[in-house]
Amino acid sequence: MSEPSFEVAFAAVFADRSAPLYRYLSGLSGDPALAQDIVQECFVKLYQRGRMPDDPRAWLVTVANNLWRDDRRRESRRARLLLHKSGELSAPDEPASADAGTLAAERIAAVRQALAKLPERDRQLLLLRHEGFAYREIAAALNVAPGGIGTMLARASAAFREVYRELDGPSD
């Protein structure tokens, strides 16, 4: 049996991976529009490549991480230019929840706030794992040894719990 054409394989990968990749990037960046742009660019790059990589999931998340980092660098340069030009830099807006009065919205905001306080790699580890990526895929995406992912995830989870508890305040 022959392998499916690139177009068929591409359509299958897009259908299977675009939503989880979007959720990962949206959680990482806190910006749904940016997440959508990066997902789109990832799939454009895959299509332009013209052939499937050995591990499309890991390839896509690696490209997404690189694009996200590039965007952060551009934004950092813009911020420095604004700071230089205006002498002050305004704080970024807090992520808004759809219904701030509900417990669920507060919990979502607290999770986002806790994630934002973690180092970038810890956020990436937790969000990739939450989206169902395998240890080897996470290792490939973050360019680390696969054998260390379990330990890194355990440490990132512990750090998240600690930050989340601090934000929640002492419980009686």
C-alpha atoms as a PDB file:
ATOM      1  CA  MET A   1       0.000   0.000   0.000  1.00  0.00           C
ATOM      2  CA  SER A   2       1.396   3.391  -0.950  1.00  0.00           C
ATOM      3  CA  GLU A   3       1.705   6.328   1.397  1.00  0.00           C
ATOM      4  CA  PRO A   4      -0.932   9.064   1.102  1.00  0.00           C
ATOM      5  CA  SER A   5      -0.073  12.106  -0.972  1.00  0.00           C
ATOM      6  CA  PHE A   6       1.424  15.104   0.780  1.00  0.00           C
ATOM      7  CA  GLU A   7      -1.847  17.027   0.408  1.00  0.00           C
ATOM      8  CA  VAL A   8      -3.848  14.248   2.069  1.00  0.00           C
ATOM      9  CA  ALA A   9      -1.288  13.886   4.868  1.00  0.00           C
ATOM     10  CA  PHE A  10      -1.172  17.679   5.300  1.00  0.00           C
ATOM     11  CA  ALA A  11      -4.972  17.888   5.598  1.00  0.00           C
ATOM     12  CA  ALA A  12      -4.969  15.090   8.179  1.00  0.00           C
ATOM     13  CA  VAL A  13      -2.222  16.724  10.253  1.00  0.00           C
ATOM     14  CA  PHE A  14      -3.991  20.089  10.068  1.00  0.00           C
ATOM     15  CA  ALA A  15      -7.290  18.557  11.201  1.00  0.00           C
ATOM     16  CA  ASP A  16      -5.585  16.687  14.049  1.00  0.00           C
ATOM     17  CA  ARG A  17      -3.038  19.249  15.302  1.00  0.00           C
ATOM     18  CA  SER A  18      -4.269  22.789  14.613  1.00  0.00           C
ATOM     19  CA  ALA A  19      -6.644  23.022  17.619  1.00  0.00           C
ATOM     20  CA  PRO A  20      -4.192  21.626  20.224  1.00  0.00           C
ATOM     21  CA  LEU A  21      -1.406  23.819  18.819  1.00  0.00           C
ATOM     22  CA  TYR A  22      -3.691  26.853  19.031  1.00  0.00           C
ATOM     23  CA  ARG A  23      -4.661  26.070  22.647  1.00  0.00           C
ATOM     24  CA  TYR A  24      -0.992  25.642  23.590  1.00  0.00           C
ATOM     25  CA  LEU A  25       0.026  28.945  21.997  1.00  0.00           C
ATOM     26  CA  SER A  26      -2.970  30.800  23.364  1.00  0.00           C
ATOM     27  CA  GLY A  27      -2.118  29.581  26.857  1.00  0.00           C
ATOM     28  CA  LEU A  28       1.549  30.416  26.385  1.00  0.00           C
ATOM     29  CA  SER A  29       1.031  33.891  24.962  1.00  0.00           C
ATOM     30  CA  GLY A  30      -2.290  34.903  26.520  1.00  0.00           C
ATOM     31  CA  ASP A  31      -3.125  36.352  23.087  1.00  0.00           C
ATOM     32  CA  PRO A  32      -5.618  34.330  21.013  1.00  0.00           C
ATOM     33  CA  ALA A  33      -5.029  36.429  17.874  1.00  0.00           C
ATOM     34  CA  LEU A  34      -1.271  35.912  18.070  1.00  0.00           C
ATOM     35  CA  ALA A  35      -1.820  32.195  18.675  1.00  0.00           C
ATOM     36  CA  GLN A  36      -3.999  31.960  15.563  1.00  0.00           C
ATOM     37  CA  ASP A  37      -1.408  33.817  13.476  1.00  0.00           C
ATOM     38  CA  ILE A  38       1.382  31.524  14.616  1.00  0.00           C
ATOM     39  CA  VAL A  39      -0.652  28.368  13.971  1.00  0.00           C
ATOM     40  CA  GLN A  40      -1.430  29.609  10.490  1.00  0.00           C
ATOM     41  CA  GLU A  41       2.218  30.415   9.836  1.00  0.00           C
ATOM     42  CA  CYS A  42       3.283  26.972  11.092  1.00  0.00           C
ATOM     43  CA  PHE A  43       1.015  25.242   8.627  1.00  0.00           C
ATOM     44  CA  VAL A  44       2.082  27.556   5.802  1.00  0.00           C
ATOM     45  CA  LYS A  45       5.700  26.602   6.548  1.00  0.00           C
ATOM     46  CA  LEU A  46       4.762  22.920   6.604  1.00  0.00           C
ATOM     47  CA  TYR A  47       2.969  23.214   3.272  1.00  0.00           C
ATOM     48  CA  GLN A  48       5.868  25.146   1.737  1.00  0.00           C
ATOM     49  CA  ARG A  49       8.192  22.389   2.942  1.00  0.00           C
ATOM     50  CA  GLY A  50       6.348  20.038   0.585  1.00  0.00           C
ATOM     51  CA  ARG A  51       6.897  16.871   2.595  1.00  0.00           C
ATOM     52  CA  MET A  52       5.993  15.616   6.016  1.00  0.00           C
ATOM     53  CA  PRO A  53       8.670  15.609   8.708  1.00  0.00           C
ATOM     54  CA  ASP A  54       9.384  12.362  10.545  1.00  0.00           C
ATOM     55  CA  ASP A  55       7.394  13.605  13.553  1.00  0.00           C
ATOM     56  CA  PRO A  56       4.888  16.274  12.436  1.00  0.00           C
ATOM     57  CA  ARG A  57       3.656  16.995  15.980  1.00  0.00           C
ATOM     58  CA  ALA A  58       7.132  17.739  17.290  1.00  0.00           C
ATOM     59  CA  TRP A  59       8.047  19.664  14.130  1.00  0.00           C
ATOM     60  CA  LEU A  60       4.970  21.882  14.406  1.00  0.00           C
ATOM     61  CA  VAL A  61       5.462  22.710  18.081  1.00  0.00           C
ATOM     62  CA  THR A  62       9.158  23.424  17.492  1.00  0.00           C
ATOM     63  CA  VAL A  63       8.316  25.832  14.658  1.00  0.00           C
ATOM     64  CA  ALA A  64       5.566  27.385  16.812  1.00  0.00           C
ATOM     65  CA  ASN A  65       7.980  27.929  19.707  1.00  0.00           C
ATOM     66  CA  ASN A  66      10.505  29.545  17.373  1.00  0.00           C
ATOM     67  CA  LEU A  67       7.862  31.850  15.868  1.00  0.00           C
ATOM     68  CA  TRP A  68       6.600  32.777  19.345  1.00  0.00           C
ATOM     69  CA  ARG A  69      10.137  33.583  20.494  1.00  0.00           C
ATOM     70  CA  ASP A  70      10.679  35.694  17.364  1.00  0.00           C
ATOM     71  CA  ASP A  71       7.486  37.604  18.126  1.00  0.00           C
ATOM     72  CA  ARG A  72       8.580  38.181  21.732  1.00  0.00           C
ATOM     73  CA  ARG A  73      11.922  39.545  20.531  1.00  0.00           C
ATOM     74  CA  ARG A  74      10.157  41.925  18.117  1.00  0.00           C
ATOM     75  CA  GLU A  75       7.807  43.079  20.869  1.00  0.00           C
ATOM     76  CA  SER A  76      10.729  43.569  23.240  1.00  0.00           C
ATOM     77  CA  ARG A  77      12.496  45.721  20.657  1.00  0.00           C
ATOM     78  CA  ARG A  78       9.309  47.739  20.120  1.00  0.00           C
ATOM     79  CA  ALA A  79       8.927  48.219  23.848  1.00  0.00           C
ATOM     80  CA  ARG A  80      12.530  49.413  24.151  1.00  0.00           C
ATOM     81  CA  LEU A  81      11.962  51.847  21.304  1.00  0.00           C
ATOM     82  CA  LEU A  82       8.799  53.141  22.944  1.00  0.00           C
ATOM     83  CA  LEU A  83      10.580  53.423  26.274  1.00  0.00           C
ATOM     84  CA  HIS A  84      13.402  55.324  24.663  1.00  0.00           C
ATOM     85  CA  LYS A  85      11.029  57.573  22.763  1.00  0.00           C
ATOM     86  CA  SER A  86       8.462  58.275  25.481  1.00  0.00           C
ATOM     87  CA  GLY A  87      10.540  57.709  28.593  1.00  0.00           C
ATOM     88  CA  GLU A  88       8.003  55.308  30.077  1.00  0.00           C
ATOM     89  CA  LEU A  89       6.499  51.950  29.290  1.00  0.00           C
ATOM     90  CA  SER A  90       2.909  51.130  30.141  1.00  0.00           C
ATOM     91  CA  ALA A  91       2.131  47.841  31.832  1.00  0.00           C
ATOM     92  CA  PRO A  92       0.457  45.186  29.688  1.00  0.00           C
ATOM     93  CA  ASP A  93      -3.286  44.760  30.115  1.00  0.00           C
ATOM     94  CA  GLU A  94      -4.463  42.001  32.395  1.00  0.00           C
ATOM     95  CA  PRO A  95      -6.227  39.196  30.547  1.00  0.00           C
ATOM     96  CA  ALA A  96      -9.948  39.791  30.743  1.00  0.00           C
ATOM     97  CA  SER A  97     -12.355  37.023  31.562  1.00  0.00           C
ATOM     98  CA  ALA A  98     -15.782  36.763  29.955  1.00  0.00           C
ATOM     99  CA  ASP A  99     -17.608  36.742  33.277  1.00  0.00           C
ATOM    100  CA  ALA A 100     -15.394  38.067  36.056  1.00  0.00           C
ATOM    101  CA  GLY A 101     -18.123  37.451  38.625  1.00  0.00           C
ATOM    102  CA  THR A 102     -17.993  33.679  38.361  1.00  0.00           C
ATOM    103  CA  LEU A 103     -15.752  31.356  40.273  1.00  0.00           C
ATOM    104  CA  ALA A 104     -14.682  29.659  37.038  1.00  0.00           C
ATOM    105  CA  ALA A 105     -13.501  32.945  35.538  1.00  0.00           C
ATOM    106  CA  GLU A 106     -11.568  33.753  38.699  1.00  0.00           C
ATOM    107  CA  ARG A 107      -9.933  30.347  38.646  1.00  0.00           C
ATOM    108  CA  ILE A 108      -8.970  30.739  34.984  1.00  0.00           C
ATOM    109  CA  ALA A 109      -7.500  34.155  35.711  1.00  0.00           C
ATOM    110  CA  ALA A 110      -5.567  32.749  38.674  1.00  0.00           C
ATOM    111  CA  VAL A 111      -4.187  29.897  36.562  1.00  0.00           C
ATOM    112  CA  ARG A 112      -3.100  32.326  33.847  1.00  0.00           C
ATOM    113  CA  GLN A 113      -1.530  34.601  36.437  1.00  0.00           C
ATOM    114  CA  ALA A 114       0.308  31.686  38.029  1.00  0.00           C
ATOM    115  CA  LEU A 115       1.530  30.480  34.628  1.00  0.00           C
ATOM    116  CA  ALA A 116       2.734  33.987  33.795  1.00  0.00           C
ATOM    117  CA  LYS A 117       4.892  34.008  36.946  1.00  0.00           C
ATOM    118  CA  LEU A 118       6.665  30.776  35.973  1.00  0.00           C
ATOM    119  CA  PRO A 119       9.823  30.706  33.887  1.00  0.00           C
ATOM    120  CA  GLU A 120       9.110  30.325  30.162  1.00  0.00           C
ATOM    121  CA  ARG A 121      10.348  26.734  29.975  1.00  0.00           C
ATOM    122  CA  ASP A 122       8.111  25.656  32.882  1.00  0.00           C
ATOM    123  CA  ARG A 123       5.085  27.253  31.161  1.00  0.00           C
ATOM    124  CA  GLN A 124       5.948  25.513  27.916  1.00  0.00           C
ATOM    125  CA  LEU A 125       6.400  22.149  29.633  1.00  0.00           C
ATOM    126  CA  LEU A 126       3.080  22.343  31.450  1.00  0.00           C
ATOM    127  CA  LEU A 127       1.094  23.629  28.489  1.00  0.00           C
ATOM    128  CA  LEU A 128       2.551  21.099  26.047  1.00  0.00           C
ATOM    129  CA  ARG A 129       1.851  18.231  28.428  1.00  0.00           C
ATOM    130  CA  HIS A 130      -1.658  19.536  29.071  1.00  0.00           C
ATOM    131  CA  GLU A 131      -2.252  19.475  25.313  1.00  0.00           C
ATOM    132  CA  GLY A 132      -1.309  15.804  25.194  1.00  0.00           C
ATOM    133  CA  PHE A 133       2.184  15.957  23.762  1.00  0.00           C
ATOM    134  CA  ALA A 134       4.360  12.945  24.528  1.00  0.00           C
ATOM    135  CA  TYR A 135       7.602  13.324  26.473  1.00  0.00           C
ATOM    136  CA  ARG A 136       9.729  12.799  23.343  1.00  0.00           C
ATOM    137  CA  GLU A 137       7.720  15.459  21.484  1.00  0.00           C
ATOM    138  CA  ILE A 138       8.139  17.910  24.356  1.00  0.00           C
ATOM    139  CA  ALA A 139      11.868  17.130  24.446  1.00  0.00           C
ATOM    140  CA  ALA A 140      12.182  17.750  20.702  1.00  0.00           C
ATOM    141  CA  ALA A 141      10.178  20.979  20.888  1.00  0.00           C
ATOM    142  CA  LEU A 142      12.231  22.378  23.766  1.00  0.00           C
ATOM    143  CA  ASN A 143      15.539  20.907  22.609  1.00  0.00           C
ATOM    144  CA  VAL A 144      16.206  18.972  25.815  1.00  0.00           C
ATOM    145  CA  ALA A 145      17.013  15.340  26.565  1.00  0.00           C
ATOM    146  CA  PRO A 146      13.898  13.126  26.630  1.00  0.00           C
ATOM    147  CA  GLY A 147      15.091  11.410  29.810  1.00  0.00           C
ATOM    148  CA  GLY A 148      14.811  14.642  31.789  1.00  0.00           C
ATOM    149  CA  ILE A 149      11.263  15.582  30.819  1.00  0.00           C
ATOM    150  CA  GLY A 150       9.593  13.701  33.681  1.00  0.00           C
ATOM    151  CA  THR A 151      11.746  15.436  36.278  1.00  0.00           C
ATOM    152  CA  MET A 152      11.331  18.812  34.590  1.00  0.00           C
ATOM    153  CA  LEU A 153       7.544  18.366  34.505  1.00  0.00           C
ATOM    154  CA  ALA A 154       7.465  17.389  38.175  1.00  0.00           C
ATOM    155  CA  ARG A 155       9.465  20.484  39.106  1.00  0.00           C
ATOM    156  CA  ALA A 156       7.354  22.740  36.884  1.00  0.00           C
ATOM    157  CA  SER A 157       4.160  21.297  38.412  1.00  0.00           C
ATOM    158  CA  ALA A 158       5.475  21.885  41.922  1.00  0.00           C
ATOM    159  CA  ALA A 159       6.470  25.448  41.039  1.00  0.00           C
ATOM    160  CA  PHE A 160       3.021  26.059  39.538  1.00  0.00           C
ATOM    161  CA  ARG A 161       1.253  24.726  42.641  1.00  0.00           C
ATOM    162  CA  GLU A 162       3.397  26.945  44.867  1.00  0.00           C
ATOM    163  CA  VAL A 163       2.729  30.090  42.814  1.00  0.00           C
ATOM    164  CA  TYR A 164      -0.971  29.258  42.533  1.00  0.00           C
ATOM    165  CA  ARG A 165      -1.255  28.820  46.322  1.00  0.00           C
ATOM    166  CA  GLU A 166       0.532  32.139  46.888  1.00  0.00           C
ATOM    167  CA  LEU A 167      -1.932  33.888  44.579  1.00  0.00           C
ATOM    168  CA  ASP A 168      -4.892  32.186  46.241  1.00  0.00           C
ATOM    169  CA  GLY A 169      -3.749  33.330  49.680  1.00  0.00           C
ATOM    170  CA  PRO A 170      -3.571  31.276  52.862  1.00  0.00           C
ATOM    171  CA  SER A 171      -6.367  28.750  53.182  1.00  0.00           C
ATOM    172  CA  ASP A 172      -7.926  28.199  56.588  1.00  0.00           C
END
